C-alpha atoms as a PDB file:
ATOM      1  CA  UNK A   1      -0.171   0.090   0.089  1.00  0.00           C
ATOM      2  CA  UNK A   2       0.905   3.104  -1.002  1.00  0.00           C
ATOM      3  CA  UNK A   3       1.954   5.553   1.925  1.00  0.00           C
ATOM      4  CA  UNK A   4       0.576   8.769   1.857  1.00  0.00           C
ATOM      5  CA  UNK A   5       2.702  12.072   2.007  1.00  0.00           C
ATOM      6  CA  UNK A   6       0.825  14.993   4.408  1.00  0.00           C
ATOM      7  CA  UNK A   7       2.988  18.468   4.037  1.00  0.00           C
ATOM      8  CA  UNK A   8       4.407  19.209   6.951  1.00  0.00           C
ATOM      9  CA  UNK A   9       3.484  22.371   9.047  1.00  0.00           C
ATOM     10  CA  UNK A  10       6.139  24.761   9.096  1.00  0.00           C
ATOM     11  CA  UNK A  11       7.111  26.790  12.057  1.00  0.00           C
ATOM     12  CA  UNK A  12       8.148  30.914  11.672  1.00  0.00           C
ATOM     13  CA  UNK A  13      11.704  31.283  13.851  1.00  0.00           C
ATOM     14  CA  UNK A  14      10.319  33.310  16.404  1.00  0.00           C
ATOM     15  CA  UNK A  15       8.433  30.522  16.970  1.00  0.00           C
ATOM     16  CA  UNK A  16      10.549  27.681  17.566  1.00  0.00           C
ATOM     17  CA  UNK A  17      12.971  29.810  19.883  1.00  0.00           C
ATOM     18  CA  UNK A  18       9.664  30.221  21.944  1.00  0.00           C
ATOM     19  CA  UNK A  19       8.923  27.052  21.983  1.00  0.00           C
ATOM     20  CA  UNK A  20      13.000  26.018  22.920  1.00  0.00           C
ATOM     21  CA  UNK A  21      12.716  27.990  25.879  1.00  0.00           C
ATOM     22  CA  UNK A  22       9.800  26.847  27.387  1.00  0.00           C
ATOM     23  CA  UNK A  23      10.724  23.484  26.839  1.00  0.00           C
ATOM     24  CA  UNK A  24      14.211  23.990  28.957  1.00  0.00           C
ATOM     25  CA  UNK A  25      11.125  25.827  31.515  1.00  0.00           C
ATOM     26  CA  UNK A  26       9.368  22.343  32.142  1.00  0.00           C
ATOM     27  CA  UNK A  27      12.281  20.697  32.601  1.00  0.00           C
ATOM     28  CA  UNK A  28      13.519  23.007  35.634  1.00  0.00           C
ATOM     29  CA  UNK A  29      16.320  24.328  33.660  1.00  0.00           C
ATOM     30  CA  UNK A  30      15.143  27.812  33.552  1.00  0.00           C
ATOM     31  CA  UNK A  31      13.279  29.701  36.583  1.00  0.00           C
ATOM     32  CA  UNK A  32      12.662  33.193  37.223  1.00  0.00           C
ATOM     33  CA  UNK A  33      15.345  34.830  38.123  1.00  0.00           C
ATOM     34  CA  UNK A  34      17.517  32.381  35.854  1.00  0.00           C
ATOM     35  CA  UNK A  35      19.189  35.697  32.733  1.00  0.00           C
ATOM     36  CA  UNK A  36      19.342  34.444  29.421  1.00  0.00           C
ATOM     37  CA  UNK A  37      22.922  34.732  27.586  1.00  0.00           C
ATOM     38  CA  UNK A  38      23.011  37.413  25.518  1.00  0.00           C
ATOM     39  CA  UNK A  39      22.000  37.810  22.330  1.00  0.00           C
ATOM     40  CA  UNK A  40      24.845  37.369  20.177  1.00  0.00           C
ATOM     41  CA  UNK A  41      25.845  33.820  22.705  1.00  0.00           C
ATOM     42  CA  UNK A  42      22.424  32.331  22.573  1.00  0.00           C
ATOM     43  CA  UNK A  43      21.146  33.235  19.079  1.00  0.00           C
ATOM     44  CA  UNK A  44      24.615  31.122  17.535  1.00  0.00           C
ATOM     45  CA  UNK A  45      24.294  28.026  19.638  1.00  0.00           C
ATOM     46  CA  UNK A  46      19.971  28.141  18.729  1.00  0.00           C
ATOM     47  CA  UNK A  47      20.383  28.598  14.636  1.00  0.00           C
ATOM     48  CA  UNK A  48      18.685  31.320  14.861  1.00  0.00           C
ATOM     49  CA  UNK A  49      18.732  34.831  13.989  1.00  0.00           C
ATOM     50  CA  UNK A  50      19.622  37.368  16.435  1.00  0.00           C
ATOM     51  CA  UNK A  51      16.476  39.311  14.447  1.00  0.00           C
ATOM     52  CA  UNK A  52      14.241  36.200  14.969  1.00  0.00           C
ATOM     53  CA  UNK A  53      15.442  35.661  18.655  1.00  0.00           C
ATOM     54  CA  UNK A  54      14.927  39.310  19.638  1.00  0.00           C
ATOM     55  CA  UNK A  55      10.528  39.291  18.086  1.00  0.00           C
ATOM     56  CA  UNK A  56      10.312  35.320  20.560  1.00  0.00           C
ATOM     57  CA  UNK A  57      12.216  37.407  23.664  1.00  0.00           C
ATOM     58  CA  UNK A  58       9.244  40.003  23.108  1.00  0.00           C
ATOM     59  CA  UNK A  59       6.581  37.786  23.247  1.00  0.00           C
ATOM     60  CA  UNK A  60       7.326  36.835  25.696  1.00  0.00           C
ATOM     61  CA  UNK A  61       8.578  39.847  28.207  1.00  0.00           C
ATOM     62  CA  UNK A  62       4.998  40.909  26.717  1.00  0.00           C
ATOM     63  CA  UNK A  63       3.330  37.644  27.889  1.00  0.00           C
ATOM     64  CA  UNK A  64       5.220  38.706  31.405  1.00  0.00           C
ATOM     65  CA  UNK A  65       7.673  36.021  32.215  1.00  0.00           C
ATOM     66  CA  UNK A  66      10.766  37.494  30.636  1.00  0.00           C
ATOM     67  CA  UNK A  67      12.096  41.992  32.062  1.00  0.00           C
ATOM     68  CA  UNK A  68      14.693  42.376  29.163  1.00  0.00           C
ATOM     69  CA  UNK A  69      17.375  45.435  30.719  1.00  0.00           C
ATOM     70  CA  UNK A  70      18.874  47.198  27.615  1.00  0.00           C
ATOM     71  CA  UNK A  71      23.425  49.097  27.726  1.00  0.00           C
ATOM     72  CA  UNK A  72      25.756  46.691  29.557  1.00  0.00           C
ATOM     73  CA  UNK A  73      27.593  45.051  32.804  1.00  0.00           C
ATOM     74  CA  UNK A  74      25.568  42.571  35.316  1.00  0.00           C
ATOM     75  CA  UNK A  75      21.871  43.679  35.380  1.00  0.00           C
ATOM     76  CA  UNK A  76      21.500  43.789  31.591  1.00  0.00           C
ATOM     77  CA  UNK A  77      20.127  41.797  29.536  1.00  0.00           C
ATOM     78  CA  UNK A  78      17.070  38.864  29.459  1.00  0.00           C
ATOM     79  CA  UNK A  79      14.844  37.677  33.106  1.00  0.00           C
ATOM     80  CA  UNK A  80      12.781  35.212  33.676  1.00  0.00           C
ATOM     81  CA  UNK A  81      10.184  36.329  35.890  1.00  0.00           C
ATOM     82  CA  UNK A  82       7.105  36.100  36.451  1.00  0.00           C
ATOM     83  CA  UNK A  83       4.707  38.413  36.397  1.00  0.00           C
ATOM     84  CA  UNK A  84       1.742  37.533  35.556  1.00  0.00           C
ATOM     85  CA  UNK A  85      -0.872  40.116  36.647  1.00  0.00           C
ATOM     86  CA  UNK A  86      -0.330  43.082  34.453  1.00  0.00           C
ATOM     87  CA  UNK A  87       0.752  40.656  31.049  1.00  0.00           C
ATOM     88  CA  UNK A  88      -3.123  39.448  31.703  1.00  0.00           C
ATOM     89  CA  UNK A  89      -4.969  41.919  32.985  1.00  0.00           C
ATOM     90  CA  UNK A  90      -4.338  43.443  28.755  1.00  0.00           C
ATOM     91  CA  UNK A  91      -4.919  40.657  27.455  1.00  0.00           C
ATOM     92  CA  UNK A  92      -8.777  40.162  29.005  1.00  0.00           C
ATOM     93  CA  UNK A  93      -9.010  43.458  28.149  1.00  0.00           C
ATOM     94  CA  UNK A  94      -7.988  43.335  25.060  1.00  0.00           C
ATOM     95  CA  UNK A  95     -10.044  40.013  24.302  1.00  0.00           C
ATOM     96  CA  UNK A  96     -13.377  42.568  25.518  1.00  0.00           C
ATOM     97  CA  UNK A  97     -13.117  46.125  23.496  1.00  0.00           C
ATOM     98  CA  UNK A  98     -13.019  42.406  20.864  1.00  0.00           C
ATOM     99  CA  UNK A  99     -15.936  41.176  21.889  1.00  0.00           C
ATOM    100  CA  UNK A 100     -14.521  37.671  22.712  1.00  0.00           C
ATOM    101  CA  UNK A 101     -16.737  37.935  26.228  1.00  0.00           C
ATOM    102  CA  UNK A 102     -19.300  39.622  26.806  1.00  0.00           C
ATOM    103  CA  UNK A 103     -20.075  41.927  29.480  1.00  0.00           C
ATOM    104  CA  UNK A 104     -22.570  39.815  31.617  1.00  0.00           C
ATOM    105  CA  UNK A 105     -19.565  36.861  31.352  1.00  0.00           C
ATOM    106  CA  UNK A 106     -17.732  39.144  33.135  1.00  0.00           C
ATOM    107  CA  UNK A 107     -19.992  39.748  35.136  1.00  0.00           C
ATOM    108  CA  UNK A 108     -20.363  36.125  36.111  1.00  0.00           C
ATOM    109  CA  UNK A 109     -16.520  34.888  36.519  1.00  0.00           C
ATOM    110  CA  UNK A 110     -16.070  38.079  39.498  1.00  0.00           C
ATOM    111  CA  UNK A 111     -18.610  36.780  41.046  1.00  0.00           C
ATOM    112  CA  UNK A 112     -17.085  33.109  41.181  1.00  0.00           C
ATOM    113  CA  UNK A 113     -13.878  34.834  41.650  1.00  0.00           C
ATOM    114  CA  UNK A 114     -14.557  37.025  43.839  1.00  0.00           C
ATOM    115  CA  UNK A 115     -16.924  35.336  45.917  1.00  0.00           C
ATOM    116  CA  UNK A 116     -13.746  32.318  47.018  1.00  0.00           C
ATOM    117  CA  UNK A 117     -11.191  35.512  47.302  1.00  0.00           C
ATOM    118  CA  UNK A 118     -13.420  36.169  50.284  1.00  0.00           C
ATOM    119  CA  UNK A 119     -14.848  33.629  51.899  1.00  0.00           C
ATOM    120  CA  UNK A 120     -11.394  31.718  51.722  1.00  0.00           C
ATOM    121  CA  UNK A 121      -9.602  35.469  53.249  1.00  0.00           C
ATOM    122  CA  UNK A 122     -12.113  35.381  55.980  1.00  0.00           C
ATOM    123  CA  UNK A 123      -9.706  32.271  56.707  1.00  0.00           C
ATOM    124  CA  UNK A 124      -5.894  32.747  55.683  1.00  0.00           C
ATOM    125  CA  UNK A 125      -6.222  36.515  55.385  1.00  0.00           C
ATOM    126  CA  UNK A 126      -3.543  37.998  58.122  1.00  0.00           C
ATOM    127  CA  UNK A 127      -3.785  40.814  60.145  1.00  0.00           C
ATOM    128  CA  UNK A 128      -0.654  42.024  57.681  1.00  0.00           C
ATOM    129  CA  UNK A 129      -3.040  41.893  54.660  1.00  0.00           C
ATOM    130  CA  UNK A 130      -6.032  43.014  56.711  1.00  0.00           C
ATOM    131  CA  UNK A 131      -4.603  46.194  57.961  1.00  0.00           C
ATOM    132  CA  UNK A 132      -3.454  46.446  54.477  1.00  0.00           C
ATOM    133  CA  UNK A 133      -6.495  46.232  52.758  1.00  0.00           C
ATOM    134  CA  UNK A 134      -7.569  48.892  55.650  1.00  0.00           C
ATOM    135  CA  UNK A 135      -5.792  51.205  54.181  1.00  0.00           C
ATOM    136  CA  UNK A 136      -7.679  51.052  51.486  1.00  0.00           C
ATOM    137  CA  UNK A 137     -10.190  52.145  52.559  1.00  0.00           C
ATOM    138  CA  UNK A 138     -10.053  53.942  54.783  1.00  0.00           C
ATOM    139  CA  UNK A 139      -8.115  56.875  52.265  1.00  0.00           C
ATOM    140  CA  UNK A 140     -11.892  55.982  49.230  1.00  0.00           C
ATOM    141  CA  UNK A 141     -13.247  57.279  52.355  1.00  0.00           C
ATOM    142  CA  UNK A 142     -11.416  60.349  52.524  1.00  0.00           C
ATOM    143  CA  UNK A 143     -13.507  63.415  51.602  1.00  0.00           C
ATOM    144  CA  UNK A 144     -13.428  64.625  48.081  1.00  0.00           C
ATOM    145  CA  UNK A 145     -11.777  61.910  46.893  1.00  0.00           C
ATOM    146  CA  UNK A 146     -11.371  61.689  42.940  1.00  0.00           C
ATOM    147  CA  UNK A 147     -13.240  59.426  40.826  1.00  0.00           C
ATOM    148  CA  UNK A 148     -10.333  58.192  38.974  1.00  0.00           C
ATOM    149  CA  UNK A 149      -8.645  57.892  42.183  1.00  0.00           C
ATOM    150  CA  UNK A 150     -11.693  56.162  44.338  1.00  0.00           C
ATOM    151  CA  UNK A 151     -11.803  54.115  40.990  1.00  0.00           C
ATOM    152  CA  UNK A 152      -7.522  52.964  40.800  1.00  0.00           C
ATOM    153  CA  UNK A 153      -7.596  52.359  45.235  1.00  0.00           C
ATOM    154  CA  UNK A 154     -11.574  50.044  44.711  1.00  0.00           C
ATOM    155  CA  UNK A 155     -10.027  47.964  42.507  1.00  0.00           C
ATOM    156  CA  UNK A 156      -6.753  47.096  45.018  1.00  0.00           C
ATOM    157  CA  UNK A 157      -8.384  46.700  47.555  1.00  0.00           C
ATOM    158  CA  UNK A 158     -10.681  43.700  45.517  1.00  0.00           C
ATOM    159  CA  UNK A 159      -6.630  42.171  43.882  1.00  0.00           C
ATOM    160  CA  UNK A 160      -5.476  42.977  48.072  1.00  0.00           C
ATOM    161  CA  UNK A 161      -7.872  40.502  49.465  1.00  0.00           C
ATOM    162  CA  UNK A 162      -8.124  37.932  46.659  1.00  0.00           C
ATOM    163  CA  UNK A 163      -4.246  37.887  47.547  1.00  0.00           C
ATOM    164  CA  UNK A 164      -4.323  37.766  50.613  1.00  0.00           C
ATOM    165  CA  UNK A 165      -7.005  34.377  49.738  1.00  0.00           C
ATOM    166  CA  UNK A 166      -3.292  32.528  49.978  1.00  0.00           C
ATOM    167  CA  UNK A 167      -4.756  31.616  46.910  1.00  0.00           C
ATOM    168  CA  UNK A 168      -2.129  32.932  43.376  1.00  0.00           C
ATOM    169  CA  UNK A 169      -4.395  31.946  40.997  1.00  0.00           C
ATOM    170  CA  UNK A 170      -7.089  33.059  41.974  1.00  0.00           C
ATOM    171  CA  UNK A 171      -4.974  36.305  42.534  1.00  0.00           C
ATOM    172  CA  UNK A 172      -3.664  36.155  39.356  1.00  0.00           C
ATOM    173  CA  UNK A 173      -7.495  36.172  37.954  1.00  0.00           C
ATOM    174  CA  UNK A 174      -9.184  38.383  39.975  1.00  0.00           C
ATOM    175  CA  UNK A 175      -6.997  41.405  38.780  1.00  0.00           C
ATOM    176  CA  UNK A 176      -7.239  40.492  35.402  1.00  0.00           C
ATOM    177  CA  UNK A 177     -11.117  40.650  35.237  1.00  0.00           C
ATOM    178  CA  UNK A 178     -10.954  42.981  36.800  1.00  0.00           C
ATOM    179  CA  UNK A 179      -8.682  45.041  34.840  1.00  0.00           C
ATOM    180  CA  UNK A 180     -10.492  43.952  31.623  1.00  0.00           C
ATOM    181  CA  UNK A 181     -13.222  46.216  33.301  1.00  0.00           C
ATOM    182  CA  UNK A 182     -11.718  49.262  34.645  1.00  0.00           C
ATOM    183  CA  UNK A 183     -12.398  51.551  31.604  1.00  0.00           C
ATOM    184  CA  UNK A 184     -16.563  50.337  32.170  1.00  0.00           C
ATOM    185  CA  UNK A 185     -16.084  51.403  35.980  1.00  0.00           C
ATOM    186  CA  UNK A 186     -14.584  54.959  35.810  1.00  0.00           C
ATOM    187  CA  UNK A 187     -17.116  55.442  33.182  1.00  0.00           C
ATOM    188  CA  UNK A 188     -20.225  54.922  35.168  1.00  0.00           C
ATOM    189  CA  UNK A 189     -18.977  56.219  38.717  1.00  0.00           C
ATOM    190  CA  UNK A 190     -17.921  59.238  36.851  1.00  0.00           C
ATOM    191  CA  UNK A 191     -21.633  58.837  35.248  1.00  0.00           C
ATOM    192  CA  UNK A 192     -22.760  58.807  39.061  1.00  0.00           C
ATOM    193  CA  UNK A 193     -25.301  61.891  39.667  1.00  0.00           C
ATOM    194  CA  UNK A 194     -24.538  62.280  42.939  1.00  0.00           C
ATOM    195  CA  UNK A 195     -20.237  61.067  43.757  1.00  0.00           C
ATOM    196  CA  UNK A 196     -20.747  61.291  47.381  1.00  0.00           C
ATOM    197  CA  UNK A 197     -23.232  59.744  48.386  1.00  0.00           C
ATOM    198  CA  UNK A 198     -22.239  57.214  46.061  1.00  0.00           C
ATOM    199  CA  UNK A 199     -19.137  56.960  47.018  1.00  0.00           C
ATOM    200  CA  UNK A 200     -20.203  56.835  50.627  1.00  0.00           C
ATOM    201  CA  UNK A 201     -21.707  54.103  49.562  1.00  0.00           C
ATOM    202  CA  UNK A 202     -19.792  52.116  48.132  1.00  0.00           C
ATOM    203  CA  UNK A 203     -17.518  52.021  50.810  1.00  0.00           C
ATOM    204  CA  UNK A 204     -19.630  51.272  53.228  1.00  0.00           C
ATOM    205  CA  UNK A 205     -19.339  47.672  51.437  1.00  0.00           C
ATOM    206  CA  UNK A 206     -15.857  47.471  51.778  1.00  0.00           C
ATOM    207  CA  UNK A 207     -15.934  48.261  55.729  1.00  0.00           C
ATOM    208  CA  UNK A 208     -18.824  45.662  55.687  1.00  0.00           C
ATOM    209  CA  UNK A 209     -16.351  43.083  53.429  1.00  0.00           C
ATOM    210  CA  UNK A 210     -13.177  44.348  55.608  1.00  0.00           C
ATOM    211  CA  UNK A 211     -15.313  43.275  58.893  1.00  0.00           C
ATOM    212  CA  UNK A 212     -16.709  40.048  57.692  1.00  0.00           C
ATOM    213  CA  UNK A 213     -12.901  38.600  56.742  1.00  0.00           C
ATOM    214  CA  UNK A 214     -11.970  40.217  59.695  1.00  0.00           C
ATOM    215  CA  UNK A 215     -14.744  38.673  61.728  1.00  0.00           C
ATOM    216  CA  UNK A 216     -13.673  35.092  59.621  1.00  0.00           C
ATOM    217  CA  UNK A 217     -17.581  34.807  57.814  1.00  0.00           C
ATOM    218  CA  UNK A 218     -16.866  34.109  55.198  1.00  0.00           C
ATOM    219  CA  UNK A 219     -19.972  32.714  53.710  1.00  0.00           C
ATOM    220  CA  UNK A 220     -21.175  36.384  55.306  1.00  0.00           C
ATOM    221  CA  UNK A 221     -18.826  37.936  53.085  1.00  0.00           C
ATOM    222  CA  UNK A 222     -18.954  36.110  50.288  1.00  0.00           C
ATOM    223  CA  UNK A 223     -22.574  37.628  49.814  1.00  0.00           C
ATOM    224  CA  UNK A 224     -22.321  40.913  50.691  1.00  0.00           C
ATOM    225  CA  UNK A 225     -19.282  40.906  47.855  1.00  0.00           C
ATOM    226  CA  UNK A 226     -21.331  39.171  45.084  1.00  0.00           C
ATOM    227  CA  UNK A 227     -24.732  41.987  46.168  1.00  0.00           C
ATOM    228  CA  UNK A 228     -21.272  44.957  46.039  1.00  0.00           C
ATOM    229  CA  UNK A 229     -20.234  43.517  42.198  1.00  0.00           C
ATOM    230  CA  UNK A 230     -23.919  42.684  40.729  1.00  0.00           C
ATOM    231  CA  UNK A 231     -24.506  46.685  41.756  1.00  0.00           C
ATOM    232  CA  UNK A 232     -22.283  47.967  40.120  1.00  0.00           C
ATOM    233  CA  UNK A 233     -21.370  45.793  36.641  1.00  0.00           C
ATOM    234  CA  UNK A 234     -24.826  43.999  37.202  1.00  0.00           C
ATOM    235  CA  UNK A 235     -25.970  47.767  35.917  1.00  0.00           C
ATOM    236  CA  UNK A 236     -23.621  47.863  32.921  1.00  0.00           C
ATOM    237  CA  UNK A 237     -25.286  45.252  32.356  1.00  0.00           C
ATOM    238  CA  UNK A 238     -27.795  45.659  32.041  1.00  0.00           C
ATOM    239  CA  UNK A 239     -27.165  49.489  29.758  1.00  0.00           C
ATOM    240  CA  UNK A 240     -25.433  47.638  27.786  1.00  0.00           C
ATOM    241  CA  UNK A 241     -28.469  44.684  27.055  1.00  0.00           C
ATOM    242  CA  UNK A 242     -30.944  47.935  26.140  1.00  0.00           C
ATOM    243  CA  UNK A 243     -28.571  49.566  23.902  1.00  0.00           C
ATOM    244  CA  UNK A 244     -28.625  46.152  21.468  1.00  0.00           C
ATOM    245  CA  UNK A 245     -30.539  45.343  19.125  1.00  0.00           C
ATOM    246  CA  UNK A 246     -33.543  43.464  20.219  1.00  0.00           C
ATOM    247  CA  UNK A 247     -32.738  45.215  24.149  1.00  0.00           C
ATOM    248  CA  UNK A 248     -35.668  45.883  26.146  1.00  0.00           C
END
């Protein structure tokens, strides 16, 4: 029986470089903090051009696993790092803007993630974690806090609680999901008819959330954070549905 040949898949050179670096990470040969050899040494070892190597390194830098330090000296070159939060948030924000995920998808993801993180934080958060969260709440309660600063502090509060839950992946996902809708939430806050009253109401819930976490009342904290998220984020979903064709 004759052999049926199939075309082989060709890969671009920088993808082969990425694959080579990934294999070494998976094998434990490269770890966070390790430096890659200089381009002039690494490119010939891999059998690729320096431009292809740079393209691969730029991809790794974009996804948050590498930082490149230009120049000369001991700190120059590319170093393996672990910075997934910003990279994942940027990626998710772009996909959200492109319509890959709906506002309702993001809302439900936030609810699941933050219910989990607040409930776990009630069990695992340290006193230091809670004191740092309280400092954010106090700053949000300051008279005349601008909307932009409030939105930033609000994001940091929710992400900080997620980090204090003890689950790094939940923390990263919470940060990415919250960041993906930060511009929309900011516009909603800016559109509030009575901003001081809106800020006071939101921060009253932040204060109660923190009290519940301090008291170890995880289930109650999870219930309240769901209500807290749906009260504002849910409004954005409703408004989006109203604008869509056929919306009520």
